[in-house]
Amino acid sequence: MGDQEADTARIKESARALKRVRDTFAERANPADGYGVDDIGSQKTLDAFDAFDSNWKIRRRQLTEELEKLHGITRGAAESYETLDHELAEALRSTDDRQPKGGGK
C-alpha cells in the first residue's frame, strides 16, 4: 500500500469555493428582470429572456442543489481526514509511550 496524504487546506478551500459558486447561482436571476421593450430593444428579445428565465430557474435550482451536495462532501472529507490524522497521531503517541526507553528490546 502506498503513502497516503491529504491536503486538507486545499480540500477546505475547494469546499469554500463550491459554497461561493453555489451562493452565486442561488442569487442570480433573469438578467432582463426590470427591463422592458424600450430597454431591451424588441419584444422578441424580451420574450427570449422570459423563456430563458423559466428554464434558468429550474436549472439554477438543480445546479444549486448539486453544488450544495459537493460542498458538503468536500467539507466532510476535510473534517474526516483531520479527525483520522488526529486519531492516528494519538494512537502512535500512545504506542510510543508504551515502548521501553533506552534502546532495549
PDB file of N, CA and C in Angstrom:
ATOM      1  N   MET A   1       0.851  -1.171   0.000  1.00  0.00           N
ATOM      2  CA  MET A   1       0.000   0.000   0.000  1.00  0.00           C
ATOM      3  C   MET A   1       0.898   1.235   0.000  1.00  0.00           C
ATOM      4  N   GLY A   2       0.580   2.226  -0.831  1.00  0.00           N
ATOM      5  CA  GLY A   2       1.378   3.438  -0.944  1.00  0.00           C
ATOM      6  C   GLY A   2       1.086   4.434   0.159  1.00  0.00           C
ATOM      7  N   ASP A   3       1.925   5.431   0.230  1.00  0.00           N
ATOM      8  CA  ASP A   3       1.722   6.505   1.202  1.00  0.00           C
ATOM      9  C   ASP A   3       0.476   7.294   0.833  1.00  0.00           C
ATOM     10  N   GLN A   4      -0.280   7.690   1.830  1.00  0.00           N
ATOM     11  CA  GLN A   4      -1.483   8.483   1.619  1.00  0.00           C
ATOM     12  C   GLN A   4      -1.277   9.852   2.253  1.00  0.00           C
ATOM     13  N   GLU A   5      -1.637  10.871   1.528  1.00  0.00           N
ATOM     14  CA  GLU A   5      -1.524  12.224   2.060  1.00  0.00           C
ATOM     15  C   GLU A   5      -2.699  13.042   1.547  1.00  0.00           C
ATOM     16  N   ALA A   6      -3.323  13.769   2.436  1.00  0.00           N
ATOM     17  CA  ALA A   6      -4.448  14.619   2.053  1.00  0.00           C
ATOM     18  C   ALA A   6      -4.084  16.070   2.362  1.00  0.00           C
ATOM     19  N   ASP A   7      -4.259  16.929   1.397  1.00  0.00           N
ATOM     20  CA  ASP A   7      -4.021  18.357   1.596  1.00  0.00           C
ATOM     21  C   ASP A   7      -5.338  18.959   2.091  1.00  0.00           C
ATOM     22  N   THR A   8      -5.531  18.897   3.405  1.00  0.00           N
ATOM     23  CA  THR A   8      -6.810  19.330   3.969  1.00  0.00           C
ATOM     24  C   THR A   8      -7.057  20.816   3.745  1.00  0.00           C
ATOM     25  N   ALA A   9      -6.020  21.613   3.717  1.00  0.00           N
ATOM     26  CA  ALA A   9      -6.208  23.046   3.463  1.00  0.00           C
ATOM     27  C   ALA A   9      -6.786  23.254   2.058  1.00  0.00           C
ATOM     28  N   ARG A  10      -6.287  22.495   1.116  1.00  0.00           N
ATOM     29  CA  ARG A  10      -6.788  22.632  -0.255  1.00  0.00           C
ATOM     30  C   ARG A  10      -8.213  22.098  -0.377  1.00  0.00           C
ATOM     31  N   ILE A  11      -8.494  21.006   0.321  1.00  0.00           N
ATOM     32  CA  ILE A  11      -9.852  20.461   0.304  1.00  0.00           C
ATOM     33  C   ILE A  11     -10.818  21.462   0.934  1.00  0.00           C
ATOM     34  N   LYS A  12     -10.412  22.090   2.038  1.00  0.00           N
ATOM     35  CA  LYS A  12     -11.266  23.098   2.680  1.00  0.00           C
ATOM     36  C   LYS A  12     -11.502  24.283   1.748  1.00  0.00           C
ATOM     37  N   GLU A  13     -10.454  24.721   1.059  1.00  0.00           N
ATOM     38  CA  GLU A  13     -10.605  25.842   0.127  1.00  0.00           C
ATOM     39  C   GLU A  13     -11.547  25.455  -1.013  1.00  0.00           C
ATOM     40  N   SER A  14     -11.456  24.214  -1.469  1.00  0.00           N
ATOM     41  CA  SER A  14     -12.386  23.738  -2.502  1.00  0.00           C
ATOM     42  C   SER A  14     -13.820  23.795  -1.992  1.00  0.00           C
ATOM     43  N   ALA A  15     -14.025  23.395  -0.753  1.00  0.00           N
ATOM     44  CA  ALA A  15     -15.366  23.442  -0.161  1.00  0.00           C
ATOM     45  C   ALA A  15     -15.870  24.880  -0.104  1.00  0.00           C
ATOM     46  N   ARG A  16     -15.002  25.805   0.320  1.00  0.00           N
ATOM     47  CA  ARG A  16     -15.401  27.216   0.382  1.00  0.00           C
ATOM     48  C   ARG A  16     -15.705  27.764  -1.010  1.00  0.00           C
ATOM     49  N   ALA A  17     -14.896  27.378  -1.996  1.00  0.00           N
ATOM     50  CA  ALA A  17     -15.116  27.844  -3.369  1.00  0.00           C
ATOM     51  C   ALA A  17     -16.437  27.307  -3.912  1.00  0.00           C
ATOM     52  N   LEU A  18     -16.726  26.049  -3.633  1.00  0.00           N
ATOM     53  CA  LEU A  18     -18.011  25.483  -4.068  1.00  0.00           C
ATOM     54  C   LEU A  18     -19.173  26.214  -3.422  1.00  0.00           C
ATOM     55  N   LYS A  19     -19.027  26.589  -2.168  1.00  0.00           N
ATOM     56  CA  LYS A  19     -20.088  27.334  -1.490  1.00  0.00           C
ATOM     57  C   LYS A  19     -20.281  28.696  -2.146  1.00  0.00           C
ATOM     58  N   ARG A  20     -19.175  29.365  -2.504  1.00  0.00           N
ATOM     59  CA  ARG A  20     -19.293  30.666  -3.176  1.00  0.00           C
ATOM     60  C   ARG A  20     -20.004  30.527  -4.519  1.00  0.00           C
ATOM     61  N   VAL A  21     -19.647  29.503  -5.280  1.00  0.00           N
ATOM     62  CA  VAL A  21     -20.295  29.270  -6.570  1.00  0.00           C
ATOM     63  C   VAL A  21     -21.773  28.980  -6.348  1.00  0.00           C
ATOM     64  N   ARG A  22     -22.081  28.137  -5.368  1.00  0.00           N
ATOM     65  CA  ARG A  22     -23.469  27.806  -5.046  1.00  0.00           C
ATOM     66  C   ARG A  22     -24.249  29.051  -4.674  1.00  0.00           C
ATOM     67  N   ASP A  23     -23.672  29.904  -3.833  1.00  0.00           N
ATOM     68  CA  ASP A  23     -24.347  31.135  -3.420  1.00  0.00           C
ATOM     69  C   ASP A  23     -24.593  32.056  -4.607  1.00  0.00           C
ATOM     70  N   THR A  24     -23.631  32.134  -5.511  1.00  0.00           N
ATOM     71  CA  THR A  24     -23.787  32.958  -6.706  1.00  0.00           C
ATOM     72  C   THR A  24     -24.929  32.437  -7.570  1.00  0.00           C
ATOM     73  N   PHE A  25     -24.960  31.127  -7.774  1.00  0.00           N
ATOM     74  CA  PHE A  25     -26.051  30.538  -8.552  1.00  0.00           C
ATOM     75  C   PHE A  25     -27.394  30.799  -7.894  1.00  0.00           C
ATOM     76  N   ALA A  26     -27.462  30.688  -6.593  1.00  0.00           N
ATOM     77  CA  ALA A  26     -28.726  30.854  -5.872  1.00  0.00           C
ATOM     78  C   ALA A  26     -29.249  32.292  -5.984  1.00  0.00           C
ATOM     79  N   GLU A  27     -28.338  33.249  -6.111  1.00  0.00           N
ATOM     80  CA  GLU A  27     -28.728  34.661  -6.121  1.00  0.00           C
ATOM     81  C   GLU A  27     -29.020  35.207  -7.510  1.00  0.00           C
ATOM     82  N   ARG A  28     -28.510  34.558  -8.548  1.00  0.00           N
ATOM     83  CA  ARG A  28     -28.645  35.103  -9.897  1.00  0.00           C
ATOM     84  C   ARG A  28     -30.037  34.854 -10.462  1.00  0.00           C
ATOM     85  N   ALA A  29     -30.608  35.889 -11.024  1.00  0.00           N
ATOM     86  CA  ALA A  29     -31.937  35.794 -11.622  1.00  0.00           C
ATOM     87  C   ALA A  29     -31.838  36.107 -13.107  1.00  0.00           C
ATOM     88  N   ASN A  30     -32.973  36.289 -13.718  1.00  0.00           N
ATOM     89  CA  ASN A  30     -33.051  36.650 -15.123  1.00  0.00           C
ATOM     90  C   ASN A  30     -32.318  37.983 -15.333  1.00  0.00           C
ATOM     91  N   PRO A  31     -31.345  38.007 -16.228  1.00  0.00           N
ATOM     92  CA  PRO A  31     -30.597  39.260 -16.441  1.00  0.00           C
ATOM     93  C   PRO A  31     -31.452  40.382 -17.015  1.00  0.00           C
ATOM     94  N   ALA A  32     -32.641  40.065 -17.537  1.00  0.00           N
ATOM     95  CA  ALA A  32     -33.510  41.087 -18.120  1.00  0.00           C
ATOM     96  C   ALA A  32     -34.582  41.561 -17.135  1.00  0.00           C
ATOM     97  N   ASP A  33     -34.575  41.017 -15.912  1.00  0.00           N
ATOM     98  CA  ASP A  33     -35.570  41.458 -14.926  1.00  0.00           C
ATOM     99  C   ASP A  33     -35.523  42.971 -14.749  1.00  0.00           C
ATOM    100  N   GLY A  34     -36.693  43.573 -14.769  1.00  0.00           N
ATOM    101  CA  GLY A  34     -36.781  45.007 -14.563  1.00  0.00           C
ATOM    102  C   GLY A  34     -36.657  45.830 -15.834  1.00  0.00           C
ATOM    103  N   TYR A  35     -36.408  45.168 -16.945  1.00  0.00           N
ATOM    104  CA  TYR A  35     -36.265  45.881 -18.209  1.00  0.00           C
ATOM    105  C   TYR A  35     -37.481  45.622 -19.089  1.00  0.00           C
ATOM    106  N   GLY A  36     -37.829  46.591 -19.894  1.00  0.00           N
ATOM    107  CA  GLY A  36     -38.937  46.459 -20.832  1.00  0.00           C
ATOM    108  C   GLY A  36     -38.446  46.468 -22.263  1.00  0.00           C
ATOM    109  N   VAL A  37     -39.388  46.510 -23.180  1.00  0.00           N
ATOM    110  CA  VAL A  37     -39.070  46.503 -24.608  1.00  0.00           C
ATOM    111  C   VAL A  37     -38.187  47.704 -24.967  1.00  0.00           C
ATOM    112  N   ASP A  38     -38.472  48.858 -24.389  1.00  0.00           N
ATOM    113  CA  ASP A  38     -37.672  50.050 -24.689  1.00  0.00           C
ATOM    114  C   ASP A  38     -36.216  49.864 -24.275  1.00  0.00           C
ATOM    115  N   ASP A  39     -36.005  49.147 -23.194  1.00  0.00           N
ATOM    116  CA  ASP A  39     -34.637  48.932 -22.707  1.00  0.00           C
ATOM    117  C   ASP A  39     -33.909  47.838 -23.501  1.00  0.00           C
ATOM    118  N   ILE A  40     -34.627  46.773 -23.792  1.00  0.00           N
ATOM    119  CA  ILE A  40     -34.032  45.607 -24.446  1.00  0.00           C
ATOM    120  C   ILE A  40     -33.934  45.795 -25.963  1.00  0.00           C
ATOM    121  N   GLY A  41     -34.930  46.433 -26.545  1.00  0.00           N
ATOM    122  CA  GLY A  41     -34.874  46.701 -27.975  1.00  0.00           C
ATOM    123  C   GLY A  41     -35.945  46.027 -28.787  1.00  0.00           C
ATOM    124  N   SER A  42     -36.455  44.895 -28.322  1.00  0.00           N
ATOM    125  CA  SER A  42     -37.534  44.243 -29.073  1.00  0.00           C
ATOM    126  C   SER A  42     -38.304  43.295 -28.156  1.00  0.00           C
ATOM    127  N   GLN A  43     -39.558  43.082 -28.511  1.00  0.00           N
ATOM    128  CA  GLN A  43     -40.386  42.150 -27.734  1.00  0.00           C
ATOM    129  C   GLN A  43     -39.868  40.729 -27.888  1.00  0.00           C
ATOM    130  N   LYS A  44     -39.355  40.414 -29.075  1.00  0.00           N
ATOM    131  CA  LYS A  44     -38.835  39.066 -29.326  1.00  0.00           C
ATOM    132  C   LYS A  44     -37.667  38.758 -28.381  1.00  0.00           C
ATOM    133  N   THR A  45     -36.788  39.700 -28.217  1.00  0.00           N
ATOM    134  CA  THR A  45     -35.655  39.510 -27.308  1.00  0.00           C
ATOM    135  C   THR A  45     -36.144  39.396 -25.871  1.00  0.00           C
ATOM    136  N   LEU A  46     -37.097  40.237 -25.500  1.00  0.00           N
ATOM    137  CA  LEU A  46     -37.665  40.188 -24.151  1.00  0.00           C
ATOM    138  C   LEU A  46     -38.350  38.846 -23.909  1.00  0.00           C
ATOM    139  N   ASP A  47     -39.066  38.333 -24.906  1.00  0.00           N
ATOM    140  CA  ASP A  47     -39.716  37.019 -24.798  1.00  0.00           C
ATOM    141  C   ASP A  47     -38.668  35.911 -24.632  1.00  0.00           C
ATOM    142  N   ALA A  48     -37.577  36.049 -25.354  1.00  0.00           N
ATOM    143  CA  ALA A  48     -36.500  35.048 -25.243  1.00  0.00           C
ATOM    144  C   ALA A  48     -35.931  35.036 -23.822  1.00  0.00           C
ATOM    145  N   PHE A  49     -35.748  36.224 -23.242  1.00  0.00           N
ATOM    146  CA  PHE A  49     -35.272  36.300 -21.861  1.00  0.00           C
ATOM    147  C   PHE A  49     -36.286  35.686 -20.895  1.00  0.00           C
ATOM    148  N   ASP A  50     -37.568  35.893 -21.145  1.00  0.00           N
ATOM    149  CA  ASP A  50     -38.597  35.309 -20.288  1.00  0.00           C
ATOM    150  C   ASP A  50     -38.575  33.785 -20.370  1.00  0.00           C
ATOM    151  N   ALA A  51     -38.426  33.251 -21.588  1.00  0.00           N
ATOM    152  CA  ALA A  51     -38.334  31.794 -21.762  1.00  0.00           C
ATOM    153  C   ALA A  51     -37.079  31.267 -21.079  1.00  0.00           C
ATOM    154  N   PHE A  52     -35.991  31.997 -21.251  1.00  0.00           N
ATOM    155  CA  PHE A  52     -34.734  31.635 -20.589  1.00  0.00           C
ATOM    156  C   PHE A  52     -34.929  31.630 -19.075  1.00  0.00           C
ATOM    157  N   ASP A  53     -35.623  32.627 -18.561  1.00  0.00           N
ATOM    158  CA  ASP A  53     -35.829  32.758 -17.118  1.00  0.00           C
ATOM    159  C   ASP A  53     -36.550  31.541 -16.551  1.00  0.00           C
ATOM    160  N   SER A  54     -37.586  31.075 -17.233  1.00  0.00           N
ATOM    161  CA  SER A  54     -38.324  29.908 -16.750  1.00  0.00           C
ATOM    162  C   SER A  54     -37.423  28.682 -16.682  1.00  0.00           C
ATOM    163  N   ASN A  55     -36.670  28.446 -17.744  1.00  0.00           N
ATOM    164  CA  ASN A  55     -35.751  27.304 -17.781  1.00  0.00           C
ATOM    165  C   ASN A  55     -34.608  27.502 -16.793  1.00  0.00           C
ATOM    166  N   TRP A  56     -34.091  28.709 -16.700  1.00  0.00           N
ATOM    167  CA  TRP A  56     -32.976  29.011 -15.823  1.00  0.00           C
ATOM    168  C   TRP A  56     -33.343  28.762 -14.362  1.00  0.00           C
ATOM    169  N   LYS A  57     -34.557  29.098 -13.956  1.00  0.00           N
ATOM    170  CA  LYS A  57     -34.975  28.870 -12.569  1.00  0.00           C
ATOM    171  C   LYS A  57     -34.900  27.391 -12.216  1.00  0.00           C
ATOM    172  N   ILE A  58     -35.373  26.550 -13.134  1.00  0.00           N
ATOM    173  CA  ILE A  58     -35.329  25.101 -12.898  1.00  0.00           C
ATOM    174  C   ILE A  58     -33.883  24.619 -12.853  1.00  0.00           C
ATOM    175  N   ARG A  59     -33.103  24.985 -13.839  1.00  0.00           N
ATOM    176  CA  ARG A  59     -31.692  24.552 -13.908  1.00  0.00           C
ATOM    177  C   ARG A  59     -30.876  25.125 -12.753  1.00  0.00           C
ATOM    178  N   ARG A  60     -31.134  26.361 -12.434  1.00  0.00           N
ATOM    179  CA  ARG A  60     -30.391  27.001 -11.347  1.00  0.00           C
ATOM    180  C   ARG A  60     -30.648  26.269 -10.032  1.00  0.00           C
ATOM    181  N   ARG A  61     -31.898  25.902  -9.781  1.00  0.00           N
ATOM    182  CA  ARG A  61     -32.231  25.174  -8.558  1.00  0.00           C
ATOM    183  C   ARG A  61     -31.508  23.823  -8.537  1.00  0.00           C
ATOM    184  N   GLN A  62     -31.500  23.130  -9.674  1.00  0.00           N
ATOM    185  CA  GLN A  62     -30.813  21.840  -9.749  1.00  0.00           C
ATOM    186  C   GLN A  62     -29.304  22.004  -9.531  1.00  0.00           C
ATOM    187  N   LEU A  63     -28.720  22.993 -10.192  1.00  0.00           N
ATOM    188  CA  LEU A  63     -27.283  23.242 -10.027  1.00  0.00           C
ATOM    189  C   LEU A  63     -26.946  23.646  -8.591  1.00  0.00           C
ATOM    190  N   THR A  64     -27.797  24.453  -8.022  1.00  0.00           N
ATOM    191  CA  THR A  64     -27.579  24.892  -6.644  1.00  0.00           C
ATOM    192  C   THR A  64     -27.598  23.703  -5.692  1.00  0.00           C
ATOM    193  N   GLU A  65     -28.543  22.796  -5.890  1.00  0.00           N
ATOM    194  CA  GLU A  65     -28.621  21.606  -5.041  1.00  0.00           C
ATOM    195  C   GLU A  65     -27.382  20.730  -5.200  1.00  0.00           C
ATOM    196  N   GLU A  66     -26.927  20.545  -6.432  1.00  0.00           N
ATOM    197  CA  GLU A  66     -25.735  19.729  -6.676  1.00  0.00           C
ATOM    198  C   GLU A  66     -24.487  20.383  -6.079  1.00  0.00           C
ATOM    199  N   LEU A  67     -24.382  21.692  -6.228  1.00  0.00           N
ATOM    200  CA  LEU A  67     -23.241  22.397  -5.648  1.00  0.00           C
ATOM    201  C   LEU A  67     -23.253  22.303  -4.123  1.00  0.00           C
ATOM    202  N   GLU A  68     -24.427  22.359  -3.527  1.00  0.00           N
ATOM    203  CA  GLU A  68     -24.538  22.219  -2.071  1.00  0.00           C
ATOM    204  C   GLU A  68     -24.082  20.824  -1.635  1.00  0.00           C
ATOM    205  N   LYS A  69     -24.450  19.803  -2.402  1.00  0.00           N
ATOM    206  CA  LYS A  69     -24.008  18.440  -2.095  1.00  0.00           C
ATOM    207  C   LYS A  69     -22.486  18.335  -2.175  1.00  0.00           C
ATOM    208  N   LEU A  70     -21.914  18.875  -3.259  1.00  0.00           N
ATOM    209  CA  LEU A  70     -20.456  18.828  -3.417  1.00  0.00           C
ATOM    210  C   LEU A  70     -19.755  19.586  -2.300  1.00  0.00           C
ATOM    211  N   HIS A  71     -20.315  20.711  -1.913  1.00  0.00           N
ATOM    212  CA  HIS A  71     -19.748  21.479  -0.799  1.00  0.00           C
ATOM    213  C   HIS A  71     -19.736  20.622   0.461  1.00  0.00           C
ATOM    214  N   GLY A  72     -20.845  19.956   0.748  1.00  0.00           N
ATOM    215  CA  GLY A  72     -20.922  19.101   1.931  1.00  0.00           C
ATOM    216  C   GLY A  72     -19.940  17.943   1.883  1.00  0.00           C
ATOM    217  N   ILE A  73     -19.798  17.345   0.709  1.00  0.00           N
ATOM    218  CA  ILE A  73     -18.870  16.224   0.558  1.00  0.00           C
ATOM    219  C   ILE A  73     -17.435  16.673   0.796  1.00  0.00           C
ATOM    220  N   THR A  74     -17.033  17.782   0.183  1.00  0.00           N
ATOM    221  CA  THR A  74     -15.645  18.233   0.343  1.00  0.00           C
ATOM    222  C   THR A  74     -15.378  18.711   1.765  1.00  0.00           C
ATOM    223  N   ARG A  75     -16.333  19.413   2.352  1.00  0.00           N
ATOM    224  CA  ARG A  75     -16.161  19.853   3.745  1.00  0.00           C
ATOM    225  C   ARG A  75     -16.058  18.632   4.656  1.00  0.00           C
ATOM    226  N   GLY A  76     -16.926  17.658   4.447  1.00  0.00           N
ATOM    227  CA  GLY A  76     -16.893  16.436   5.250  1.00  0.00           C
ATOM    228  C   GLY A  76     -15.602  15.655   5.070  1.00  0.00           C
ATOM    229  N   ALA A  77     -15.096  15.628   3.840  1.00  0.00           N
ATOM    230  CA  ALA A  77     -13.831  14.932   3.585  1.00  0.00           C
ATOM    231  C   ALA A  77     -12.694  15.580   4.361  1.00  0.00           C
ATOM    232  N   ALA A  78     -12.623  16.890   4.329  1.00  0.00           N
ATOM    233  CA  ALA A  78     -11.563  17.594   5.063  1.00  0.00           C
ATOM    234  C   ALA A  78     -11.658  17.305   6.559  1.00  0.00           C
ATOM    235  N   GLU A  79     -12.875  17.355   7.093  1.00  0.00           N
ATOM    236  CA  GLU A  79     -13.061  17.083   8.516  1.00  0.00           C
ATOM    237  C   GLU A  79     -12.688  15.639   8.842  1.00  0.00           C
ATOM    238  N   SER A  80     -13.059  14.704   7.983  1.00  0.00           N
ATOM    239  CA  SER A  80     -12.738  13.289   8.211  1.00  0.00           C
ATOM    240  C   SER A  80     -11.235  13.050   8.187  1.00  0.00           C
ATOM    241  N   TYR A  81     -10.550  13.647   7.201  1.00  0.00           N
ATOM    242  CA  TYR A  81      -9.097  13.493   7.127  1.00  0.00           C
ATOM    243  C   TYR A  81      -8.428  14.047   8.380  1.00  0.00           C
ATOM    244  N   GLU A  82      -8.879  15.210   8.822  1.00  0.00           N
ATOM    245  CA  GLU A  82      -8.279  15.801  10.019  1.00  0.00           C
ATOM    246  C   GLU A  82      -8.538  14.934  11.256  1.00  0.00           C
ATOM    247  N   THR A  83      -9.744  14.422  11.393  1.00  0.00           N
ATOM    248  CA  THR A  83     -10.076  13.557  12.530  1.00  0.00           C
ATOM    249  C   THR A  83      -9.234  12.293  12.489  1.00  0.00           C
ATOM    250  N   LEU A  84      -9.153  11.668  11.315  1.00  0.00           N
ATOM    251  CA  LEU A  84      -8.358  10.456  11.166  1.00  0.00           C
ATOM    252  C   LEU A  84      -6.894  10.719  11.480  1.00  0.00           C
ATOM    253  N   ASP A  85      -6.365  11.823  10.976  1.00  0.00           N
ATOM    254  CA  ASP A  85      -4.971  12.180  11.236  1.00  0.00           C
ATOM    255  C   ASP A  85      -4.731  12.373  12.727  1.00  0.00           C
ATOM    256  N   HIS A  86      -5.646  13.053  13.401  1.00  0.00           N
ATOM    257  CA  HIS A  86      -5.520  13.289  14.839  1.00  0.00           C
ATOM    258  C   HIS A  86      -5.570  11.963  15.608  1.00  0.00           C
ATOM    259  N   GLU A  87      -6.529  11.103  15.254  1.00  0.00           N
ATOM    260  CA  GLU A  87      -6.660   9.823  15.944  1.00  0.00           C
ATOM    261  C   GLU A  87      -5.446   8.925  15.713  1.00  0.00           C
ATOM    262  N   LEU A  88      -4.922   8.925  14.500  1.00  0.00           N
ATOM    263  CA  LEU A  88      -3.733   8.139  14.201  1.00  0.00           C
ATOM    264  C   LEU A  88      -2.535   8.660  14.985  1.00  0.00           C
ATOM    265  N   ALA A  89      -2.385   9.971  15.021  1.00  0.00           N
ATOM    266  CA  ALA A  89      -1.277  10.557  15.784  1.00  0.00           C
ATOM    267  C   ALA A  89      -1.391  10.191  17.259  1.00  0.00           C
ATOM    268  N   GLU A  90      -2.599  10.257  17.807  1.00  0.00           N
ATOM    269  CA  GLU A  90      -2.806   9.883  19.212  1.00  0.00           C
ATOM    270  C   GLU A  90      -2.462   8.416  19.439  1.00  0.00           C
ATOM    271  N   ALA A  91      -2.872   7.544  18.538  1.00  0.00           N
ATOM    272  CA  ALA A  91      -2.575   6.119  18.670  1.00  0.00           C
ATOM    273  C   ALA A  91      -1.077   5.864  18.611  1.00  0.00           C
ATOM    274  N   LEU A  92      -0.381   6.548  17.711  1.00  0.00           N
ATOM    275  CA  LEU A  92       1.070   6.388  17.612  1.00  0.00           C
ATOM    276  C   LEU A  92       1.776   6.907  18.858  1.00  0.00           C
ATOM    277  N   ARG A  93       1.318   8.050  19.377  1.00  0.00           N
ATOM    278  CA  ARG A  93       1.919   8.578  20.611  1.00  0.00           C
ATOM    279  C   ARG A  93       1.694   7.603  21.767  1.00  0.00           C
ATOM    280  N   SER A  94       0.533   7.025  21.826  1.00  0.00           N
ATOM    281  CA  SER A  94       0.211   6.066  22.879  1.00  0.00           C
ATOM    282  C   SER A  94       1.121   4.850  22.787  1.00  0.00           C
ATOM    283  N   THR A  95       1.348   4.376  21.559  1.00  0.00           N
ATOM    284  CA  THR A  95       2.244   3.235  21.358  1.00  0.00           C
ATOM    285  C   THR A  95       3.673   3.608  21.728  1.00  0.00           C
ATOM    286  N   ASP A  96       4.096   4.806  21.348  1.00  0.00           N
ATOM    287  CA  ASP A  96       5.450   5.270  21.690  1.00  0.00           C
ATOM    288  C   ASP A  96       5.639   5.328  23.200  1.00  0.00           C
ATOM    289  N   ASP A  97       4.601   5.767  23.916  1.00  0.00           N
ATOM    290  CA  ASP A  97       4.691   5.884  25.369  1.00  0.00           C
ATOM    291  C   ASP A  97       4.859   4.526  26.032  1.00  0.00           C
ATOM    292  N   ARG A  98       4.395   3.453  25.396  1.00  0.00           N
ATOM    293  CA  ARG A  98       4.483   2.119  25.978  1.00  0.00           C
ATOM    294  C   ARG A  98       5.772   1.403  25.625  1.00  0.00           C
ATOM    295  N   GLN A  99       6.561   1.957  24.698  1.00  0.00           N
ATOM    296  CA  GLN A  99       7.830   1.335  24.309  1.00  0.00           C
ATOM    297  C   GLN A  99       8.860   1.545  25.401  1.00  0.00           C
ATOM    298  N   PRO A 100       9.713   0.548  25.647  1.00  0.00           N
ATOM    299  CA  PRO A 100      10.770   0.713  26.643  1.00  0.00           C
ATOM    300  C   PRO A 100      11.749   1.795  26.213  1.00  0.00           C
ATOM    301  N   LYS A 101      12.219   2.539  27.170  1.00  0.00           N
ATOM    302  CA  LYS A 101      13.187   3.613  26.899  1.00  0.00           C
ATOM    303  C   LYS A 101      14.600   3.056  26.907  1.00  0.00           C
ATOM    304  N   GLY A 102      15.483   3.716  26.182  1.00  0.00           N
ATOM    305  CA  GLY A 102      16.901   3.378  26.248  1.00  0.00           C
ATOM    306  C   GLY A 102      17.354   2.323  25.264  1.00  0.00           C
ATOM    307  N   GLY A 103      16.596   2.010  24.258  1.00  0.00           N
ATOM    308  CA  GLY A 103      17.073   1.141  23.188  1.00  0.00           C
ATOM    309  C   GLY A 103      16.951  -0.338  23.477  1.00  0.00           C
ATOM    310  N   GLY A 104      16.392  -0.765  24.586  1.00  0.00           N
ATOM    311  CA  GLY A 104      16.216  -2.190  24.871  1.00  0.00           C
ATOM    312  C   GLY A 104      15.121  -2.792  24.038  1.00  0.00           C
ATOM    313  N   LYS A 105      15.220  -4.110  23.831  1.00  0.00           N
ATOM    314  CA  LYS A 105      14.207  -4.795  23.028  1.00  0.00           C
ATOM    315  C   LYS A 105      13.280  -5.575  23.894  1.00  0.00           C
TER     316      LYS A 105
END
